[in-house]
C-alpha atoms as a PDB file:
ATOM      1  CA  MET A   1      44.501   8.318  -4.029  1.00  0.00           C
ATOM      2  CA  ALA A   2      43.187   6.129  -6.843  1.00  0.00           C
ATOM      3  CA  HIS A   3      44.662   3.087  -5.142  1.00  0.00           C
ATOM      4  CA  THR A   4      42.609   3.712  -1.999  1.00  0.00           C
ATOM      5  CA  GLY A   5      39.394   4.012  -4.031  1.00  0.00           C
ATOM      6  CA  SER A   6      40.049   0.780  -5.917  1.00  0.00           C
ATOM      7  CA  PHE A   7      40.927  -0.948  -2.651  1.00  0.00           C
ATOM      8  CA  SER A   8      37.587   0.028  -1.147  1.00  0.00           C
ATOM      9  CA  LEU A   9      35.792  -1.119  -4.294  1.00  0.00           C
ATOM     10  CA  THR A  10      37.665  -4.442  -4.173  1.00  0.00           C
ATOM     11  CA  THR A  11      36.837  -4.765  -0.489  1.00  0.00           C
ATOM     12  CA  ALA A  12      33.157  -4.055  -1.196  1.00  0.00           C
ATOM     13  CA  LYS A  13      33.083  -6.749  -3.870  1.00  0.00           C
ATOM     14  CA  LEU A  14      34.924  -9.156  -1.588  1.00  0.00           C
ATOM     15  CA  PHE A  15      32.454  -8.691   1.272  1.00  0.00           C
ATOM     16  CA  SER A  16      29.278  -8.190  -0.773  1.00  0.00           C
ATOM     17  CA  SER A  17      28.096 -11.744  -0.047  1.00  0.00           C
ATOM     18  CA  VAL A  18      28.626 -11.230   3.683  1.00  0.00           C
ATOM     19  CA  ILE A  19      26.769  -7.905   3.596  1.00  0.00           C
ATOM     20  CA  TYR A  20      23.890  -9.387   1.603  1.00  0.00           C
ATOM     21  CA  SER A  21      23.562 -12.512   3.751  1.00  0.00           C
ATOM     22  CA  ALA A  22      23.412 -10.292   6.862  1.00  0.00           C
ATOM     23  CA  ALA A  23      19.905  -9.354   5.695  1.00  0.00           C
ATOM     24  CA  VAL A  24      18.629 -12.866   6.523  1.00  0.00           C
ATOM     25  CA  PRO A  25      18.558 -12.375  10.323  1.00  0.00           C
ATOM     26  CA  VAL A  26      17.014  -8.936   9.783  1.00  0.00           C
ATOM     27  CA  VAL A  27      14.213 -10.545   7.766  1.00  0.00           C
ATOM     28  CA  ILE A  28      13.688 -13.282  10.376  1.00  0.00           C
ATOM     29  CA  VAL A  29      13.397 -10.712  13.189  1.00  0.00           C
ATOM     30  CA  LEU A  30      11.128  -8.502  11.064  1.00  0.00           C
ATOM     31  CA  VAL A  31       8.858 -11.438  10.211  1.00  0.00           C
ATOM     32  CA  GLY A  32       8.666 -12.381  13.892  1.00  0.00           C
ATOM     33  CA  ALA A  33       7.715  -8.825  14.806  1.00  0.00           C
ATOM     34  CA  MET A  34       5.125  -8.638  12.025  1.00  0.00           C
ATOM     35  CA  VAL A  35       3.573 -11.963  13.047  1.00  0.00           C
ATOM     36  CA  ALA A  36       3.465 -10.891  16.697  1.00  0.00           C
ATOM     37  CA  GLY A  37       1.812  -7.623  15.664  1.00  0.00           C
ATOM     38  CA  VAL A  38      -0.786  -9.364  13.516  1.00  0.00           C
ATOM     39  CA  GLU A  39      -1.463 -11.944  16.211  1.00  0.00           C
ATOM     40  CA  SER A  40      -1.925  -9.385  18.965  1.00  0.00           C
ATOM     41  CA  THR A  41      -4.079  -6.945  16.972  1.00  0.00           C
ATOM     42  CA  THR A  42      -6.263  -9.174  14.807  1.00  0.00           C
ATOM     43  CA  GLY A  43      -6.040 -12.642  16.296  1.00  0.00           C
ATOM     44  CA  LEU A  44      -5.321 -14.009  12.810  1.00  0.00           C
ATOM     45  CA  HIS A  45      -2.824 -16.504  14.180  1.00  0.00           C
ATOM     46  CA  ILE A  46      -5.484 -17.952  16.463  1.00  0.00           C
ATOM     47  CA  TRP A  47      -7.990 -18.301  13.595  1.00  0.00           C
ATOM     48  CA  PHE A  48      -5.622 -20.346  11.476  1.00  0.00           C
ATOM     49  CA  ARG A  49      -3.921 -22.059  14.451  1.00  0.00           C
ATOM     50  CA  ARG A  50      -0.783 -22.881  12.502  1.00  0.00           C
ATOM     51  CA  GLY A  51       0.179 -19.384  11.447  1.00  0.00           C
ATOM     52  CA  ASP A  52       0.836 -20.283   7.818  1.00  0.00           C
ATOM     53  CA  LEU A  53      -0.958 -17.259   6.432  1.00  0.00           C
ATOM     54  CA  ASP A  54       0.510 -14.630   8.715  1.00  0.00           C
ATOM     55  CA  ILE A  55       4.061 -15.965   8.454  1.00  0.00           C
ATOM     56  CA  GLY A  56       3.767 -16.297   4.672  1.00  0.00           C
ATOM     57  CA  LEU A  57       2.420 -12.797   4.141  1.00  0.00           C
ATOM     58  CA  SER A  58       4.935 -11.290   6.555  1.00  0.00           C
ATOM     59  CA  LEU A  59       7.805 -13.071   4.825  1.00  0.00           C
ATOM     60  CA  LEU A  60       6.546 -12.036   1.414  1.00  0.00           C
ATOM     61  CA  THR A  61       6.183  -8.345   2.248  1.00  0.00           C
ATOM     62  CA  GLY A  62       8.921  -7.783   4.829  1.00  0.00           C
ATOM     63  CA  GLY A  63      11.475 -10.062   3.214  1.00  0.00           C
ATOM     64  CA  THR A  64      10.978  -8.616  -0.251  1.00  0.00           C
ATOM     65  CA  LEU A  65      11.458  -5.060   1.002  1.00  0.00           C
ATOM     66  CA  VAL A  66      14.563  -5.865   3.076  1.00  0.00           C
ATOM     67  CA  PHE A  67      16.230  -7.886   0.309  1.00  0.00           C
ATOM     68  CA  PHE A  68      15.317  -5.259  -2.322  1.00  0.00           C
ATOM     69  CA  TYR A  69      16.929  -2.439  -0.346  1.00  0.00           C
ATOM     70  CA  THR A  70      19.918  -4.593   0.626  1.00  0.00           C
ATOM     71  CA  THR A  71      20.519  -5.371  -3.051  1.00  0.00           C
ATOM     72  CA  GLY A  72      20.403  -1.645  -3.800  1.00  0.00           C
ATOM     73  CA  LEU A  73      22.907  -0.991  -1.018  1.00  0.00           C
ATOM     74  CA  VAL A  74      25.325  -3.632  -2.283  1.00  0.00           C
ATOM     75  CA  VAL A  75      24.989  -2.372  -5.878  1.00  0.00           C
ATOM     76  CA  ARG A  76      25.895   1.139  -4.695  1.00  0.00           C
ATOM     77  CA  LEU A  77      28.834  -0.129  -2.629  1.00  0.00           C
ATOM     78  CA  GLU A  78      30.154  -2.101  -5.597  1.00  0.00           C
ATOM     79  CA  GLN A  79      29.437   0.819  -7.953  1.00  0.00           C
ATOM     80  CA  LEU A  80      27.747  -1.464 -10.488  1.00  0.00           C
ATOM     81  CA  ILE A  81      26.204   0.109 -13.567  1.00  0.00           C
ATOM     82  CA  ARG A  82      25.002  -2.990 -15.413  1.00  0.00           C
ATOM     83  CA  PRO A  83      25.059  -5.932 -13.010  1.00  0.00           C
ATOM     84  CA  GLY A  84      25.157  -9.390 -14.522  1.00  0.00           C
ATOM     85  CA  LEU A  85      25.046 -13.051 -13.550  1.00  0.00           C
ATOM     86  CA  ILE A  86      28.534 -12.967 -11.989  1.00  0.00           C
ATOM     87  CA  ASP A  87      27.462 -10.095  -9.739  1.00  0.00           C
ATOM     88  CA  HIS A  88      24.377 -12.035  -8.638  1.00  0.00           C
ATOM     89  CA  VAL A  89      26.409 -15.153  -7.833  1.00  0.00           C
ATOM     90  CA  ARG A  90      29.015 -13.115  -5.947  1.00  0.00           C
ATOM     91  CA  GLN A  91      26.399 -11.284  -3.878  1.00  0.00           C
ATOM     92  CA  THR A  92      24.377 -14.394  -3.025  1.00  0.00           C
ATOM     93  CA  PHE A  93      27.162 -16.976  -2.766  1.00  0.00           C
ATOM     94  CA  ILE A  94      26.728 -17.492   0.985  1.00  0.00           C
ATOM     95  CA  LEU A  95      22.954 -17.812   0.545  1.00  0.00           C
ATOM     96  CA  TYR A  96      23.415 -20.455  -2.162  1.00  0.00           C
ATOM     97  CA  MET A  97      25.745 -22.474   0.079  1.00  0.00           C
ATOM     98  CA  ALA A  98      23.483 -22.103   3.130  1.00  0.00           C
ATOM     99  CA  GLY A  99      20.450 -23.055   1.036  1.00  0.00           C
ATOM    100  CA  ILE A 100      22.134 -26.211  -0.248  1.00  0.00           C
ATOM    101  CA  VAL A 101      23.211 -27.268   3.239  1.00  0.00           C
ATOM    102  CA  LEU A 102      19.879 -26.425   4.896  1.00  0.00           C
ATOM    103  CA  GLY A 103      17.821 -27.901   2.051  1.00  0.00           C
ATOM    104  CA  SER A 104      19.803 -31.141   2.238  1.00  0.00           C
ATOM    105  CA  TRP A 105      19.346 -31.231   6.008  1.00  0.00           C
ATOM    106  CA  LEU A 106      15.602 -30.712   5.661  1.00  0.00           C
ATOM    107  CA  VAL A 107      15.309 -33.558   3.141  1.00  0.00           C
ATOM    108  CA  VAL A 108      17.414 -35.984   5.195  1.00  0.00           C
ATOM    109  CA  TRP A 109      15.693 -35.250   8.517  1.00  0.00           C
ATOM    110  CA  TYR A 110      12.113 -35.017   7.224  1.00  0.00           C
ATOM    111  CA  ARG A 111      11.003 -38.322   8.767  1.00  0.00           C
ATOM    112  CA  GLU A 112      12.236 -37.391  12.242  1.00  0.00           C
ATOM    113  CA  LEU A 113      11.359 -33.695  12.320  1.00  0.00           C
ATOM    114  CA  GLY A 114       8.468 -33.432   9.835  1.00  0.00           C
ATOM    115  CA  GLY A 115       5.759 -31.425  11.543  1.00  0.00           C
ATOM    116  CA  GLY A 116       7.972 -30.464  14.465  1.00  0.00           C
ATOM    117  CA  LEU A 117       8.851 -26.955  15.524  1.00  0.00           C
ATOM    118  CA  GLN A 118      12.521 -27.339  14.530  1.00  0.00           C
ATOM    119  CA  TYR A 119      11.505 -28.440  11.057  1.00  0.00           C
ATOM    120  CA  GLY A 120       9.159 -25.449  10.780  1.00  0.00           C
ATOM    121  CA  TYR A 121      11.937 -23.045  11.756  1.00  0.00           C
ATOM    122  CA  GLY A 122      14.231 -24.687   9.226  1.00  0.00           C
ATOM    123  CA  GLY A 123      11.544 -24.384   6.563  1.00  0.00           C
ATOM    124  CA  VAL A 124      11.018 -20.675   7.232  1.00  0.00           C
ATOM    125  CA  LEU A 125      14.780 -20.097   7.160  1.00  0.00           C
ATOM    126  CA  PHE A 126      15.065 -22.019   3.873  1.00  0.00           C
ATOM    127  CA  LEU A 127      12.244 -19.971   2.326  1.00  0.00           C
ATOM    128  CA  THR A 128      13.916 -16.770   3.532  1.00  0.00           C
ATOM    129  CA  ILE A 129      17.197 -17.793   1.901  1.00  0.00           C
ATOM    130  CA  LEU A 130      15.392 -18.724  -1.315  1.00  0.00           C
ATOM    131  CA  GLN A 131      13.542 -15.415  -1.282  1.00  0.00           C
ATOM    132  CA  GLY A 132      16.831 -13.542  -0.844  1.00  0.00           C
ATOM    133  CA  ILE A 133      18.298 -15.250  -3.900  1.00  0.00           C
ATOM    134  CA  VAL A 134      15.224 -14.595  -6.061  1.00  0.00           C
ATOM    135  CA  VAL A 135      14.793 -10.953  -5.010  1.00  0.00           C
ATOM    136  CA  ASN A 136      18.487 -10.281  -5.674  1.00  0.00           C
ATOM    137  CA  ALA A 137      18.270 -11.818  -9.152  1.00  0.00           C
ATOM    138  CA  LEU A 138      15.113  -9.898 -10.059  1.00  0.00           C
ATOM    139  CA  THR A 139      16.439  -6.598  -8.690  1.00  0.00           C
ATOM    140  CA  LEU A 140      19.756  -6.926 -10.536  1.00  0.00           C
ATOM    141  CA  ALA A 141      17.913  -7.822 -13.753  1.00  0.00           C
ATOM    142  CA  HIS A 142      15.718  -4.729 -13.325  1.00  0.00           C
ATOM    143  CA  ILE A 143      18.759  -2.498 -12.730  1.00  0.00           C
ATOM    144  CA  ASN A 144      20.468  -3.987 -15.793  1.00  0.00           C
ATOM    145  CA  ARG A 145      17.402  -3.385 -17.991  1.00  0.00           C
ATOM    146  CA  ARG A 146      17.106   0.212 -16.810  1.00  0.00           C
ATOM    147  CA  ALA A 147      20.797   0.820 -17.531  1.00  0.00           C
ATOM    148  CA  LYS A 148      20.407  -0.547 -21.071  1.00  0.00           C
ATOM    149  CA  GLY A 149      17.470   1.753 -21.756  1.00  0.00           C
ATOM    150  CA  ALA A 150      19.187   4.862 -20.361  1.00  0.00           C
END
């Protein structure tokens, strides 16, 4: 019996980065829904024409909540009591790699796509990835501090 439990814990740690990175499309869809809701009810998108404010606020609120709860889910699956730097890197490994690749692409293709719709989508995706990394680090640090005090 103990072997089965340790296998599931090992499996959870092995797939924690996949589980955590699966929150990125959830955030993108949520942000799209929030922006559409704001645009249709208040017309805010029309006032600012570019949508910077509504996308930024939607990403900040929706993305933070989704990544916060996804971090909590992964911490529970991994049964972490005092998560550390290694846990953060393991959970966000795919996001780090995707951020490096996408960030490099955005820098290289800035002259051709700067101001275009594709570049805007890439920028929002990059900010979402960056937000996922930061929220995970802050949440794990908070959990670690609470465990030390308890």
